[in-house]
Amino acid sequence: MAIKDKELYKGKVIKQVKGIVDVFDKFFKKESFDTIVEIGSGNGIFSTYIAKKANEKNASFTTFDIKLVSKQAKKELSDLGANIITGNITKNTYVEELIKAKGRCLILNDGGLKVPEFHRFAKIMKKYDIMMTHDYYKGREEKSAGTVVISEVEDCIKDDKLKVIYEKIFEKHLWLCVTKENYK
């Protein structure tokens, strides 16, 4: 696949579906957060984009990954005031503190354990918080490695009083977007 078919941010390839930057730009025009938490920094390019958006919205940004981001991404994230945490998220309770803190939180769930993390974070989300989970395939029932299908999270959505929002704009970019009930 040629570079023109890939999503770029500042000339670097983002590991996302083409068009995601425009979609997130529109999303951030409508939504504001006090805290943005990202699980799964990957190569750090999308993280840098999110950190820039956090700055524009006067939100704090923390990204968690089990492995280090590149030196260049680390520098760019640090310059943007991002908090970069490397380690196993399953053993880290700081993420819960961030989500539970006062103010509205956006959780970007894109690590290696998306379904267990979805269940974990759904229980502690506050009213009006938003959680987005990547590699979501609407309508697909068969699970493959690294993907999320509705059957894995639909009971959690119901039990934790979540509501699917922004479905039309995010589904083709493989993101599931939910909020606590009583969305504004």
C-alpha atoms as a PDB file:
ATOM      1  CA  MET A   1       0.000   0.000   0.000  1.00  0.00           C
ATOM      2  CA  ALA A   2       1.386   3.390  -0.994  1.00  0.00           C
ATOM      3  CA  ILE A   3       1.968   6.114   1.576  1.00  0.00           C
ATOM      4  CA  LYS A   4      -0.842   8.162  -0.029  1.00  0.00           C
ATOM      5  CA  ASP A   5      -3.269   5.436   1.117  1.00  0.00           C
ATOM      6  CA  LYS A   6      -2.192   5.778   4.750  1.00  0.00           C
ATOM      7  CA  GLU A   7      -3.216   8.301   7.375  1.00  0.00           C
ATOM      8  CA  LEU A   8      -0.455  10.804   8.075  1.00  0.00           C
ATOM      9  CA  TYR A   9       0.117  13.265  10.878  1.00  0.00           C
ATOM     10  CA  LYS A  10       2.992  15.713  10.407  1.00  0.00           C
ATOM     11  CA  GLY A  11       4.272  13.514   7.578  1.00  0.00           C
ATOM     12  CA  LYS A  12       4.376  10.363   9.711  1.00  0.00           C
ATOM     13  CA  VAL A  13       2.155   7.290   9.324  1.00  0.00           C
ATOM     14  CA  ILE A  14      -0.530   6.850  11.973  1.00  0.00           C
ATOM     15  CA  LYS A  15      -1.588   3.266  12.568  1.00  0.00           C
ATOM     16  CA  GLN A  16      -5.246   4.147  12.025  1.00  0.00           C
ATOM     17  CA  VAL A  17      -7.786   4.042   9.201  1.00  0.00           C
ATOM     18  CA  LYS A  18      -7.322   6.840   6.657  1.00  0.00           C
ATOM     19  CA  GLY A  19      -9.421   9.869   7.556  1.00  0.00           C
ATOM     20  CA  ILE A  20      -9.221   9.422  11.339  1.00  0.00           C
ATOM     21  CA  VAL A  21      -7.607  12.822  11.951  1.00  0.00           C
ATOM     22  CA  ASP A  22     -10.539  14.617  10.274  1.00  0.00           C
ATOM     23  CA  VAL A  23     -13.021  12.531  12.262  1.00  0.00           C
ATOM     24  CA  PHE A  24     -11.278  13.245  15.565  1.00  0.00           C
ATOM     25  CA  ASP A  25     -10.981  16.951  14.653  1.00  0.00           C
ATOM     26  CA  LYS A  26     -14.790  17.067  14.296  1.00  0.00           C
ATOM     27  CA  PHE A  27     -15.229  15.094  17.521  1.00  0.00           C
ATOM     28  CA  PHE A  28     -12.997  17.473  19.481  1.00  0.00           C
ATOM     29  CA  LYS A  29     -14.927  20.478  18.124  1.00  0.00           C
ATOM     30  CA  LYS A  30     -18.049  19.058  19.804  1.00  0.00           C
ATOM     31  CA  GLU A  31     -16.559  17.555  22.959  1.00  0.00           C
ATOM     32  CA  SER A  32     -14.332  18.830  25.757  1.00  0.00           C
ATOM     33  CA  PHE A  33     -12.548  16.898  28.476  1.00  0.00           C
ATOM     34  CA  ASP A  34     -10.524  17.639  31.564  1.00  0.00           C
ATOM     35  CA  THR A  35      -8.543  14.424  31.261  1.00  0.00           C
ATOM     36  CA  ILE A  36      -7.650  12.229  28.294  1.00  0.00           C
ATOM     37  CA  VAL A  37      -6.279   8.757  29.004  1.00  0.00           C
ATOM     38  CA  GLU A  38      -4.856   6.625  26.202  1.00  0.00           C
ATOM     39  CA  ILE A  39      -4.179   2.924  26.613  1.00  0.00           C
ATOM     40  CA  GLY A  40      -1.762   1.788  23.913  1.00  0.00           C
ATOM     41  CA  SER A  41       0.650   4.415  22.607  1.00  0.00           C
ATOM     42  CA  GLY A  42       1.875   2.268  19.722  1.00  0.00           C
ATOM     43  CA  ASN A  43       4.406   4.172  17.619  1.00  0.00           C
ATOM     44  CA  GLY A  44       3.369   7.397  19.380  1.00  0.00           C
ATOM     45  CA  ILE A  45       2.246   9.301  16.276  1.00  0.00           C
ATOM     46  CA  PHE A  46      -1.489   9.169  17.069  1.00  0.00           C
ATOM     47  CA  SER A  47      -0.586   9.863  20.713  1.00  0.00           C
ATOM     48  CA  THR A  48       1.183  13.050  19.602  1.00  0.00           C
ATOM     49  CA  TYR A  49      -1.931  14.115  17.697  1.00  0.00           C
ATOM     50  CA  ILE A  50      -4.135  13.444  20.760  1.00  0.00           C
ATOM     51  CA  ALA A  51      -1.683  15.298  23.030  1.00  0.00           C
ATOM     52  CA  LYS A  52      -1.927  18.335  20.723  1.00  0.00           C
ATOM     53  CA  LYS A  53      -5.731  18.179  20.917  1.00  0.00           C
ATOM     54  CA  ALA A  54      -5.540  17.870  24.716  1.00  0.00           C
ATOM     55  CA  ASN A  55      -3.426  21.054  24.791  1.00  0.00           C
ATOM     56  CA  GLU A  56      -5.921  22.878  22.587  1.00  0.00           C
ATOM     57  CA  LYS A  57      -8.704  21.880  25.007  1.00  0.00           C
ATOM     58  CA  ASN A  58      -6.687  22.566  28.188  1.00  0.00           C
ATOM     59  CA  ALA A  59      -6.968  18.893  29.153  1.00  0.00           C
ATOM     60  CA  SER A  60      -4.326  16.701  30.733  1.00  0.00           C
ATOM     61  CA  PHE A  61      -3.106  13.783  28.617  1.00  0.00           C
ATOM     62  CA  THR A  62      -1.625  10.525  29.870  1.00  0.00           C
ATOM     63  CA  THR A  63      -0.651   7.644  27.616  1.00  0.00           C
ATOM     64  CA  PHE A  64       0.091   4.129  28.847  1.00  0.00           C
ATOM     65  CA  ASP A  65       1.911   1.370  26.963  1.00  0.00           C
ATOM     66  CA  ILE A  66       3.719  -1.797  27.896  1.00  0.00           C
ATOM     67  CA  LYS A  67       6.681  -0.758  25.733  1.00  0.00           C
ATOM     68  CA  LEU A  68       8.580   2.478  25.245  1.00  0.00           C
ATOM     69  CA  VAL A  69       7.606   4.876  22.496  1.00  0.00           C
ATOM     70  CA  SER A  70      10.371   6.017  20.140  1.00  0.00           C
ATOM     71  CA  LYS A  71      12.766   8.727  21.317  1.00  0.00           C
ATOM     72  CA  GLN A  72      11.299  11.166  18.781  1.00  0.00           C
ATOM     73  CA  ALA A  73       7.696  10.471  19.897  1.00  0.00           C
ATOM     74  CA  LYS A  74       8.742  10.722  23.550  1.00  0.00           C
ATOM     75  CA  LYS A  75      10.319  14.135  22.913  1.00  0.00           C
ATOM     76  CA  GLU A  76       7.270  15.407  21.019  1.00  0.00           C
ATOM     77  CA  LEU A  77       4.889  14.078  23.687  1.00  0.00           C
ATOM     78  CA  SER A  78       6.998  15.585  26.463  1.00  0.00           C
ATOM     79  CA  ASP A  79       7.087  18.931  24.646  1.00  0.00           C
ATOM     80  CA  LEU A  80       3.275  18.804  24.591  1.00  0.00           C
ATOM     81  CA  GLY A  81       3.131  18.127  28.347  1.00  0.00           C
ATOM     82  CA  ALA A  82       1.983  14.530  28.003  1.00  0.00           C
ATOM     83  CA  ASN A  83       2.500  12.079  30.825  1.00  0.00           C
ATOM     84  CA  ILE A  84       4.021   8.891  29.345  1.00  0.00           C
ATOM     85  CA  ILE A  85       3.761   5.750  31.473  1.00  0.00           C
ATOM     86  CA  THR A  86       5.487   2.554  30.424  1.00  0.00           C
ATOM     87  CA  GLY A  87       4.483  -0.710  32.042  1.00  0.00           C
ATOM     88  CA  ASN A  88       1.791  -3.307  32.405  1.00  0.00           C
ATOM     89  CA  ILE A  89      -1.579  -1.539  32.639  1.00  0.00           C
ATOM     90  CA  THR A  90      -3.152  -4.526  34.406  1.00  0.00           C
ATOM     91  CA  LYS A  91      -0.868  -3.845  37.369  1.00  0.00           C
ATOM     92  CA  ASN A  92      -1.282  -0.074  37.302  1.00  0.00           C
ATOM     93  CA  THR A  93      -4.008   1.600  39.381  1.00  0.00           C
ATOM     94  CA  TYR A  94      -3.034   5.148  38.386  1.00  0.00           C
ATOM     95  CA  VAL A  95      -5.296   4.816  35.344  1.00  0.00           C
ATOM     96  CA  GLU A  96      -8.295   4.379  37.678  1.00  0.00           C
ATOM     97  CA  GLU A  97      -7.282   7.477  39.627  1.00  0.00           C
ATOM     98  CA  LEU A  98      -7.223   9.503  36.407  1.00  0.00           C
ATOM     99  CA  ILE A  99     -10.634   8.228  35.292  1.00  0.00           C
ATOM    100  CA  LYS A 100     -12.215   8.759  38.714  1.00  0.00           C
ATOM    101  CA  ALA A 101     -10.758  12.263  39.137  1.00  0.00           C
ATOM    102  CA  LYS A 102     -13.043  15.263  39.069  1.00  0.00           C
ATOM    103  CA  GLY A 103     -14.024  16.425  35.604  1.00  0.00           C
ATOM    104  CA  ARG A 104     -14.888  14.770  32.340  1.00  0.00           C
ATOM    105  CA  CYS A 105     -12.623  12.003  31.043  1.00  0.00           C
ATOM    106  CA  LEU A 106     -12.015  10.551  27.576  1.00  0.00           C
ATOM    107  CA  ILE A 107     -10.593   7.031  27.604  1.00  0.00           C
ATOM    108  CA  LEU A 108      -8.976   5.789  24.387  1.00  0.00           C
ATOM    109  CA  ASN A 109      -8.786   2.024  24.756  1.00  0.00           C
ATOM    110  CA  ASP A 110      -6.316   0.742  22.148  1.00  0.00           C
ATOM    111  CA  GLY A 111      -3.989  -1.574  24.015  1.00  0.00           C
ATOM    112  CA  GLY A 112      -3.516  -5.294  23.695  1.00  0.00           C
ATOM    113  CA  LEU A 113      -6.337  -6.269  26.082  1.00  0.00           C
ATOM    114  CA  LYS A 114      -9.196  -4.146  24.752  1.00  0.00           C
ATOM    115  CA  VAL A 115     -12.137  -6.260  25.951  1.00  0.00           C
ATOM    116  CA  PRO A 116     -10.959  -6.772  29.557  1.00  0.00           C
ATOM    117  CA  GLU A 117     -10.002  -3.089  29.750  1.00  0.00           C
ATOM    118  CA  PHE A 118     -13.413  -2.077  28.354  1.00  0.00           C
ATOM    119  CA  HIS A 119     -15.080  -4.011  31.180  1.00  0.00           C
ATOM    120  CA  ARG A 120     -12.635  -2.613  33.743  1.00  0.00           C
ATOM    121  CA  PHE A 121     -13.080   1.035  32.778  1.00  0.00           C
ATOM    122  CA  ALA A 122     -16.850   0.856  32.162  1.00  0.00           C
ATOM    123  CA  LYS A 123     -17.373   0.189  35.855  1.00  0.00           C
ATOM    124  CA  ILE A 124     -15.560   3.343  36.973  1.00  0.00           C
ATOM    125  CA  MET A 125     -16.600   5.816  34.291  1.00  0.00           C
ATOM    126  CA  LYS A 126     -18.460   8.848  35.575  1.00  0.00           C
ATOM    127  CA  LYS A 127     -21.617  10.310  34.064  1.00  0.00           C
ATOM    128  CA  TYR A 128     -20.720  12.019  30.739  1.00  0.00           C
ATOM    129  CA  ASP A 129     -17.275  10.381  30.460  1.00  0.00           C
ATOM    130  CA  ILE A 130     -16.585   8.824  27.062  1.00  0.00           C
ATOM    131  CA  MET A 131     -14.682   5.632  26.299  1.00  0.00           C
ATOM    132  CA  MET A 132     -13.582   4.716  22.810  1.00  0.00           C
ATOM    133  CA  THR A 133     -12.320   1.253  21.925  1.00  0.00           C
ATOM    134  CA  HIS A 134     -10.349   0.628  18.742  1.00  0.00           C
ATOM    135  CA  ASP A 135     -10.476  -2.341  16.358  1.00  0.00           C
ATOM    136  CA  TYR A 136     -14.232  -2.608  16.825  1.00  0.00           C
ATOM    137  CA  TYR A 137     -16.092  -4.434  14.083  1.00  0.00           C
ATOM    138  CA  LYS A 138     -19.806  -3.700  14.134  1.00  0.00           C
ATOM    139  CA  GLY A 139     -21.928  -6.587  13.005  1.00  0.00           C
ATOM    140  CA  ARG A 140     -19.148  -9.136  13.119  1.00  0.00           C
ATOM    141  CA  GLU A 141     -19.701 -11.914  15.603  1.00  0.00           C
ATOM    142  CA  GLU A 142     -16.570 -13.947  15.051  1.00  0.00           C
ATOM    143  CA  LYS A 143     -13.608 -12.790  17.084  1.00  0.00           C
ATOM    144  CA  SER A 144     -10.125 -12.562  15.702  1.00  0.00           C
ATOM    145  CA  ALA A 145      -6.922 -11.556  17.466  1.00  0.00           C
ATOM    146  CA  GLY A 146      -6.889  -7.945  18.621  1.00  0.00           C
ATOM    147  CA  THR A 147     -10.446  -7.123  17.560  1.00  0.00           C
ATOM    148  CA  VAL A 148     -13.575  -6.283  19.526  1.00  0.00           C
ATOM    149  CA  VAL A 149     -17.057  -7.485  18.587  1.00  0.00           C
ATOM    150  CA  ILE A 150     -20.338  -6.390  20.131  1.00  0.00           C
ATOM    151  CA  SER A 151     -21.072  -9.764  21.765  1.00  0.00           C
ATOM    152  CA  GLU A 152     -17.982  -9.264  23.963  1.00  0.00           C
ATOM    153  CA  VAL A 153     -19.157  -5.938  25.366  1.00  0.00           C
ATOM    154  CA  GLU A 154     -22.964  -5.744  24.979  1.00  0.00           C
ATOM    155  CA  ASP A 155     -23.712  -7.072  28.484  1.00  0.00           C
ATOM    156  CA  CYS A 156     -21.246  -4.582  29.925  1.00  0.00           C
ATOM    157  CA  ILE A 157     -22.865  -1.754  27.951  1.00  0.00           C
ATOM    158  CA  LYS A 158     -26.237  -2.680  29.445  1.00  0.00           C
ATOM    159  CA  ASP A 159     -25.067  -3.465  32.992  1.00  0.00           C
ATOM    160  CA  ASP A 160     -22.901  -0.359  33.345  1.00  0.00           C
ATOM    161  CA  LYS A 161     -25.551   1.910  31.782  1.00  0.00           C
ATOM    162  CA  LEU A 162     -23.486   2.890  28.771  1.00  0.00           C
ATOM    163  CA  LYS A 163     -24.837   4.320  25.550  1.00  0.00           C
ATOM    164  CA  VAL A 164     -23.246   4.002  22.107  1.00  0.00           C
ATOM    165  CA  ILE A 165     -22.721   7.456  20.583  1.00  0.00           C
ATOM    166  CA  TYR A 166     -21.155   8.838  17.409  1.00  0.00           C
ATOM    167  CA  GLU A 167     -21.677   5.432  15.830  1.00  0.00           C
ATOM    168  CA  LYS A 168     -22.029   6.712  12.268  1.00  0.00           C
ATOM    169  CA  ILE A 169     -18.813   8.712  12.246  1.00  0.00           C
ATOM    170  CA  PHE A 170     -16.588   6.248  14.094  1.00  0.00           C
ATOM    171  CA  GLU A 171     -17.681   2.769  12.964  1.00  0.00           C
ATOM    172  CA  LYS A 172     -15.949   2.969   9.567  1.00  0.00           C
ATOM    173  CA  HIS A 173     -12.776   3.987  11.424  1.00  0.00           C
ATOM    174  CA  LEU A 174     -13.102   0.930  13.694  1.00  0.00           C
ATOM    175  CA  TRP A 175     -13.825   2.796  16.931  1.00  0.00           C
ATOM    176  CA  LEU A 176     -16.663   2.010  19.344  1.00  0.00           C
ATOM    177  CA  CYS A 177     -17.653   5.133  21.283  1.00  0.00           C
ATOM    178  CA  VAL A 178     -19.708   4.898  24.504  1.00  0.00           C
ATOM    179  CA  THR A 179     -20.703   7.206  27.322  1.00  0.00           C
ATOM    180  CA  LYS A 180     -22.479   6.806  30.630  1.00  0.00           C
ATOM    181  CA  GLU A 181     -26.271   7.200  30.405  1.00  0.00           C
ATOM    182  CA  ASN A 182     -27.797  10.659  30.393  1.00  0.00           C
ATOM    183  CA  TYR A 183     -25.462  11.934  27.720  1.00  0.00           C
ATOM    184  CA  LYS A 184     -25.976  15.671  27.300  1.00  0.00           C
END
